[in-house]
C-alpha cells in the first residue's frame, strides 16, 4: 500500500464517519420533528457522501482498500452517531412507574421537581398504582434510579414523547380555569 492509498483510506474513513454520524443525528431529528435541523444535517450528510462514493466507486476495482475503508468508516460512523445522540439526549420521555406505594413515591418525586399523575390499576398480584411522569431524556436515568431507591420492587417503562402540550408552573390549564377550587 502506497502512502497515497493509505492517506486516501484515512480520508475515506474520516469522511464516512462524519456523514454516517450526521445521518444518525438527522434520523433522530426527523423522528423528533426537528425539520430545520434535519434539513441542515441532511444537506451536509449527502454532500460528504457523494464525494466519498464517487471516489470509492471509480477506484474500488484498482484499490480494494478503498472499499474496506468505506465499510470501516460506515461502521465507526454508526457507533459515533449513536454515542453522540445518547449524550445529546434530545427530546422528552415518559416514565410509567408501577408501584404499591404511590403516596411516598409520588410525594418524593414531586419534591424533586417532577410532575406526577397517579392512576389506580390492577396488577397480577393485586392493586397497583401507575405514576405517570414526563421529563427530559437527560434526566430519565436519574428518575429511574430515584424511583428504584424509593421502591425497590417498582416496575417502570420508558417511552419517547412525539408531542405534548404543556402547562407552565403557576399557569392555569384550560380545565382548571373552568373548575373553581376552594
C-alpha atoms as a PDB file:
ATOM      1  CA  UNK A   1       0.000   0.000   0.000  1.00  0.00           C
ATOM      2  CA  UNK A   2       1.430   3.340  -1.029  1.00  0.00           C
ATOM      3  CA  UNK A   3       1.339   6.467   1.079  1.00  0.00           C
ATOM      4  CA  UNK A   4      -1.218   7.982  -1.291  1.00  0.00           C
ATOM      5  CA  UNK A   5      -3.536   4.968  -0.948  1.00  0.00           C
ATOM      6  CA  UNK A   6      -3.088   4.960   2.836  1.00  0.00           C
ATOM      7  CA  UNK A   7      -3.841   8.700   3.080  1.00  0.00           C
ATOM      8  CA  UNK A   8      -6.873   8.318   0.823  1.00  0.00           C
ATOM      9  CA  UNK A   9      -8.130   5.440   3.009  1.00  0.00           C
ATOM     10  CA  UNK A  10      -7.812   7.607   6.131  1.00  0.00           C
ATOM     11  CA  UNK A  11      -9.720  10.419   4.403  1.00  0.00           C
ATOM     12  CA  UNK A  12     -12.446   7.996   3.265  1.00  0.00           C
ATOM     13  CA  UNK A  13     -12.789   6.633   6.813  1.00  0.00           C
ATOM     14  CA  UNK A  14     -12.998  10.127   8.319  1.00  0.00           C
ATOM     15  CA  UNK A  15     -15.481  11.316   5.709  1.00  0.00           C
ATOM     16  CA  UNK A  16     -17.690   8.244   6.221  1.00  0.00           C
ATOM     17  CA  UNK A  17     -17.566   8.672   9.991  1.00  0.00           C
ATOM     18  CA  UNK A  18     -18.736  12.261   9.501  1.00  0.00           C
ATOM     19  CA  UNK A  19     -21.524  11.543   7.017  1.00  0.00           C
ATOM     20  CA  UNK A  20     -22.897   8.491   8.845  1.00  0.00           C
ATOM     21  CA  UNK A  21     -22.778  10.340  12.173  1.00  0.00           C
ATOM     22  CA  UNK A  22     -24.689  13.211  10.574  1.00  0.00           C
ATOM     23  CA  UNK A  23     -27.134  10.673   9.130  1.00  0.00           C
ATOM     24  CA  UNK A  24     -27.784   9.165  12.533  1.00  0.00           C
ATOM     25  CA  UNK A  25     -28.390  12.574  14.085  1.00  0.00           C
ATOM     26  CA  UNK A  26     -30.586  13.556  11.109  1.00  0.00           C
ATOM     27  CA  UNK A  27     -32.727  10.446  11.564  1.00  0.00           C
ATOM     28  CA  UNK A  28     -33.267  11.261  15.235  1.00  0.00           C
ATOM     29  CA  UNK A  29     -34.107  14.857  14.291  1.00  0.00           C
ATOM     30  CA  UNK A  30     -36.713  13.632  11.805  1.00  0.00           C
ATOM     31  CA  UNK A  31     -38.270  11.356  14.429  1.00  0.00           C
ATOM     32  CA  UNK A  32     -38.477  14.250  16.898  1.00  0.00           C
ATOM     33  CA  UNK A  33     -39.922  16.595  14.282  1.00  0.00           C
ATOM     34  CA  UNK A  34     -36.936  18.955  14.145  1.00  0.00           C
ATOM     35  CA  UNK A  35     -37.298  19.814  10.460  1.00  0.00           C
ATOM     36  CA  UNK A  36     -34.727  22.607  10.198  1.00  0.00           C
ATOM     37  CA  UNK A  37     -32.027  20.610  11.944  1.00  0.00           C
ATOM     38  CA  UNK A  38     -32.834  17.557   9.797  1.00  0.00           C
ATOM     39  CA  UNK A  39     -32.616  19.697   6.654  1.00  0.00           C
ATOM     40  CA  UNK A  40     -29.196  21.068   7.575  1.00  0.00           C
ATOM     41  CA  UNK A  41     -27.766  17.733   8.694  1.00  0.00           C
ATOM     42  CA  UNK A  42     -29.131  16.006   5.587  1.00  0.00           C
ATOM     43  CA  UNK A  43     -27.525  18.545   3.279  1.00  0.00           C
ATOM     44  CA  UNK A  44     -24.046  18.053   4.730  1.00  0.00           C
ATOM     45  CA  UNK A  45     -24.505  14.297   5.071  1.00  0.00           C
ATOM     46  CA  UNK A  46     -25.247  13.871   1.364  1.00  0.00           C
ATOM     47  CA  UNK A  47     -22.637  16.429   0.303  1.00  0.00           C
ATOM     48  CA  UNK A  48     -19.907  14.417   2.026  1.00  0.00           C
ATOM     49  CA  UNK A  49     -21.367  11.094   0.898  1.00  0.00           C
ATOM     50  CA  UNK A  50     -21.481  11.939  -2.806  1.00  0.00           C
ATOM     51  CA  UNK A  51     -17.804  12.877  -2.928  1.00  0.00           C
ATOM     52  CA  UNK A  52     -16.718   9.793  -0.984  1.00  0.00           C
ATOM     53  CA  UNK A  53     -18.853   7.409  -3.017  1.00  0.00           C
ATOM     54  CA  UNK A  54     -17.599   8.848  -6.293  1.00  0.00           C
ATOM     55  CA  UNK A  55     -14.001   8.293  -5.180  1.00  0.00           C
ATOM     56  CA  UNK A  56     -14.625   4.748  -3.979  1.00  0.00           C
ATOM     57  CA  UNK A  57     -16.743   3.643  -6.963  1.00  0.00           C
ATOM     58  CA  UNK A  58     -14.284   4.948  -9.543  1.00  0.00           C
ATOM     59  CA  UNK A  59     -11.289   3.332  -7.820  1.00  0.00           C
ATOM     60  CA  UNK A  60     -12.616   0.255  -5.992  1.00  0.00           C
ATOM     61  CA  UNK A  61     -11.507  -2.243  -8.641  1.00  0.00           C
ATOM     62  CA  UNK A  62      -7.918  -0.986  -8.683  1.00  0.00           C
ATOM     63  CA  UNK A  63      -7.710  -0.157  -4.945  1.00  0.00           C
ATOM     64  CA  UNK A  64      -9.801  -2.599  -2.872  1.00  0.00           C
ATOM     65  CA  UNK A  65      -8.502  -0.866   0.261  1.00  0.00           C
ATOM     66  CA  UNK A  66     -10.904   1.958  -0.521  1.00  0.00           C
ATOM     67  CA  UNK A  67     -13.862  -0.391  -0.170  1.00  0.00           C
ATOM     68  CA  UNK A  68     -12.578  -1.601   3.195  1.00  0.00           C
ATOM     69  CA  UNK A  69     -12.015   1.989   4.343  1.00  0.00           C
ATOM     70  CA  UNK A  70     -15.563   2.860   3.225  1.00  0.00           C
ATOM     71  CA  UNK A  71     -17.030  -0.023   5.253  1.00  0.00           C
ATOM     72  CA  UNK A  72     -14.908   0.769   8.322  1.00  0.00           C
ATOM     73  CA  UNK A  73     -15.935   4.429   8.182  1.00  0.00           C
ATOM     74  CA  UNK A  74     -19.587   3.418   7.941  1.00  0.00           C
ATOM     75  CA  UNK A  75     -19.346   1.125  10.983  1.00  0.00           C
ATOM     76  CA  UNK A  76     -17.482   3.704  13.065  1.00  0.00           C
ATOM     77  CA  UNK A  77     -19.909   6.435  11.999  1.00  0.00           C
ATOM     78  CA  UNK A  78     -22.849   4.418  13.293  1.00  0.00           C
ATOM     79  CA  UNK A  79     -21.130   3.904  16.628  1.00  0.00           C
ATOM     80  CA  UNK A  80     -20.145   7.569  16.946  1.00  0.00           C
ATOM     81  CA  UNK A  81     -23.580   8.813  15.838  1.00  0.00           C
ATOM     82  CA  UNK A  82     -25.372   6.729  18.447  1.00  0.00           C
ATOM     83  CA  UNK A  83     -22.874   7.779  21.109  1.00  0.00           C
ATOM     84  CA  UNK A  84     -23.361  11.487  20.328  1.00  0.00           C
ATOM     85  CA  UNK A  85     -27.139  11.095  20.195  1.00  0.00           C
ATOM     86  CA  UNK A  86     -27.155   9.472  23.630  1.00  0.00           C
ATOM     87  CA  UNK A  87     -25.068  12.296  25.059  1.00  0.00           C
ATOM     88  CA  UNK A  88     -27.269  14.973  23.486  1.00  0.00           C
ATOM     89  CA  UNK A  89     -30.386  13.118  24.709  1.00  0.00           C
ATOM     90  CA  UNK A  90     -32.725  15.347  22.754  1.00  0.00           C
ATOM     91  CA  UNK A  91     -36.415  15.264  23.487  1.00  0.00           C
ATOM     92  CA  UNK A  92     -38.810  14.190  26.176  1.00  0.00           C
ATOM     93  CA  UNK A  93     -39.671  10.792  27.590  1.00  0.00           C
ATOM     94  CA  UNK A  94     -42.462   9.437  29.737  1.00  0.00           C
ATOM     95  CA  UNK A  95     -41.776   7.061  32.577  1.00  0.00           C
ATOM     96  CA  UNK A  96     -44.608   4.926  33.869  1.00  0.00           C
ATOM     97  CA  UNK A  97     -43.816   3.610  37.329  1.00  0.00           C
ATOM     98  CA  UNK A  98     -45.946   0.779  38.697  1.00  0.00           C
ATOM     99  CA  UNK A  99     -45.809   0.731  42.488  1.00  0.00           C
ATOM    100  CA  UNK A 100     -47.678  -0.422  45.567  1.00  0.00           C
ATOM    101  CA  UNK A 101     -46.513   2.701  47.459  1.00  0.00           C
ATOM    102  CA  UNK A 102     -47.936   5.580  45.409  1.00  0.00           C
ATOM    103  CA  UNK A 103     -48.084   8.215  48.149  1.00  0.00           C
ATOM    104  CA  UNK A 104     -44.469   8.020  49.266  1.00  0.00           C
ATOM    105  CA  UNK A 105     -43.016   7.629  45.775  1.00  0.00           C
ATOM    106  CA  UNK A 106     -45.143  10.376  44.195  1.00  0.00           C
ATOM    107  CA  UNK A 107     -44.517  12.805  47.045  1.00  0.00           C
ATOM    108  CA  UNK A 108     -40.750  12.296  46.900  1.00  0.00           C
ATOM    109  CA  UNK A 109     -40.695  12.685  43.110  1.00  0.00           C
ATOM    110  CA  UNK A 110     -42.781  15.846  43.340  1.00  0.00           C
ATOM    111  CA  UNK A 111     -40.378  17.241  45.946  1.00  0.00           C
ATOM    112  CA  UNK A 112     -37.625  16.510  43.382  1.00  0.00           C
ATOM    113  CA  UNK A 113     -39.498  18.759  40.919  1.00  0.00           C
ATOM    114  CA  UNK A 114     -41.320  16.182  38.806  1.00  0.00           C
ATOM    115  CA  UNK A 115     -44.976  16.419  37.874  1.00  0.00           C
ATOM    116  CA  UNK A 116     -46.540  13.104  38.823  1.00  0.00           C
ATOM    117  CA  UNK A 117     -50.009  11.873  37.954  1.00  0.00           C
ATOM    118  CA  UNK A 118     -51.346   8.784  39.745  1.00  0.00           C
ATOM    119  CA  UNK A 119     -53.727   6.200  38.270  1.00  0.00           C
ATOM    120  CA  UNK A 120     -55.089   3.167  40.159  1.00  0.00           C
ATOM    121  CA  UNK A 121     -54.761  -0.215  38.487  1.00  0.00           C
ATOM    122  CA  UNK A 122     -54.896  -3.946  38.935  1.00  0.00           C
ATOM    123  CA  UNK A 123     -51.718  -5.997  38.572  1.00  0.00           C
ATOM    124  CA  UNK A 124     -51.023  -9.713  38.596  1.00  0.00           C
ATOM    125  CA  UNK A 125     -50.794  -9.751  42.395  1.00  0.00           C
ATOM    126  CA  UNK A 126     -53.470  -7.206  43.257  1.00  0.00           C
ATOM    127  CA  UNK A 127     -53.864  -3.434  43.283  1.00  0.00           C
ATOM    128  CA  UNK A 128     -51.052  -1.241  41.940  1.00  0.00           C
ATOM    129  CA  UNK A 129     -50.756   2.409  41.078  1.00  0.00           C
ATOM    130  CA  UNK A 130     -49.334   3.852  37.920  1.00  0.00           C
ATOM    131  CA  UNK A 131     -47.277   7.002  38.300  1.00  0.00           C
ATOM    132  CA  UNK A 132     -47.075   8.906  35.044  1.00  0.00           C
ATOM    133  CA  UNK A 133     -44.061  11.245  34.772  1.00  0.00           C
ATOM    134  CA  UNK A 134     -42.792  13.218  31.772  1.00  0.00           C
ATOM    135  CA  UNK A 135     -39.226  14.525  31.801  1.00  0.00           C
ATOM    136  CA  UNK A 136     -36.253  15.403  29.611  1.00  0.00           C
ATOM    137  CA  UNK A 137     -34.359  12.402  28.237  1.00  0.00           C
ATOM    138  CA  UNK A 138     -31.248  13.679  30.009  1.00  0.00           C
ATOM    139  CA  UNK A 139     -32.995  13.167  33.368  1.00  0.00           C
ATOM    140  CA  UNK A 140     -34.567   9.756  32.731  1.00  0.00           C
ATOM    141  CA  UNK A 141     -31.753   7.644  34.206  1.00  0.00           C
ATOM    142  CA  UNK A 142     -31.713   9.704  37.402  1.00  0.00           C
ATOM    143  CA  UNK A 143     -35.511   9.430  37.589  1.00  0.00           C
ATOM    144  CA  UNK A 144     -35.353   5.641  37.188  1.00  0.00           C
ATOM    145  CA  UNK A 145     -32.666   5.387  39.871  1.00  0.00           C
ATOM    146  CA  UNK A 146     -34.708   7.588  42.215  1.00  0.00           C
ATOM    147  CA  UNK A 147     -37.883   5.543  41.652  1.00  0.00           C
ATOM    148  CA  UNK A 148     -35.980   2.334  42.410  1.00  0.00           C
ATOM    149  CA  UNK A 149     -34.434   3.899  45.519  1.00  0.00           C
ATOM    150  CA  UNK A 150     -37.910   4.836  46.750  1.00  0.00           C
ATOM    151  CA  UNK A 151     -39.459   1.454  45.866  1.00  0.00           C
ATOM    152  CA  UNK A 152     -37.035  -1.335  45.036  1.00  0.00           C
ATOM    153  CA  UNK A 153     -39.903  -3.508  43.781  1.00  0.00           C
ATOM    154  CA  UNK A 154     -41.372  -0.962  41.400  1.00  0.00           C
ATOM    155  CA  UNK A 155     -41.613  -1.716  37.697  1.00  0.00           C
ATOM    156  CA  UNK A 156     -41.154   1.035  35.141  1.00  0.00           C
ATOM    157  CA  UNK A 157     -41.495   1.578  31.416  1.00  0.00           C
ATOM    158  CA  UNK A 158     -39.921   4.438  29.465  1.00  0.00           C
ATOM    159  CA  UNK A 159     -41.263   5.737  26.148  1.00  0.00           C
ATOM    160  CA  UNK A 160     -40.351   8.605  23.828  1.00  0.00           C
ATOM    161  CA  UNK A 161     -42.742  11.533  23.538  1.00  0.00           C
ATOM    162  CA  UNK A 162     -43.502  12.703  19.997  1.00  0.00           C
ATOM    163  CA  UNK A 163     -45.569  15.718  21.033  1.00  0.00           C
ATOM    164  CA  UNK A 164     -47.100  17.041  24.237  1.00  0.00           C
ATOM    165  CA  UNK A 165     -48.901  20.116  25.434  1.00  0.00           C
ATOM    166  CA  UNK A 166     -47.592  21.860  28.497  1.00  0.00           C
ATOM    167  CA  UNK A 167     -48.726  23.925  31.414  1.00  0.00           C
ATOM    168  CA  UNK A 168     -46.034  26.070  32.968  1.00  0.00           C
ATOM    169  CA  UNK A 169     -45.726  26.169  36.754  1.00  0.00           C
ATOM    170  CA  UNK A 170     -48.226  28.684  38.096  1.00  0.00           C
ATOM    171  CA  UNK A 171     -50.087  28.800  34.781  1.00  0.00           C
ATOM    172  CA  UNK A 172     -53.663  27.576  34.699  1.00  0.00           C
ATOM    173  CA  UNK A 173     -54.677  24.919  32.252  1.00  0.00           C
ATOM    174  CA  UNK A 174     -57.915  25.251  30.274  1.00  0.00           C
ATOM    175  CA  UNK A 175     -59.658  22.772  32.591  1.00  0.00           C
ATOM    176  CA  UNK A 176     -58.501  24.312  35.852  1.00  0.00           C
ATOM    177  CA  UNK A 177     -59.817  27.667  34.625  1.00  0.00           C
ATOM    178  CA  UNK A 178     -63.284  26.143  34.207  1.00  0.00           C
ATOM    179  CA  UNK A 179     -63.302  24.418  37.597  1.00  0.00           C
ATOM    180  CA  UNK A 180     -63.050  26.641  40.657  1.00  0.00           C
ATOM    181  CA  UNK A 181     -61.453  25.080  43.717  1.00  0.00           C
ATOM    182  CA  UNK A 182     -61.999  26.469  47.199  1.00  0.00           C
END
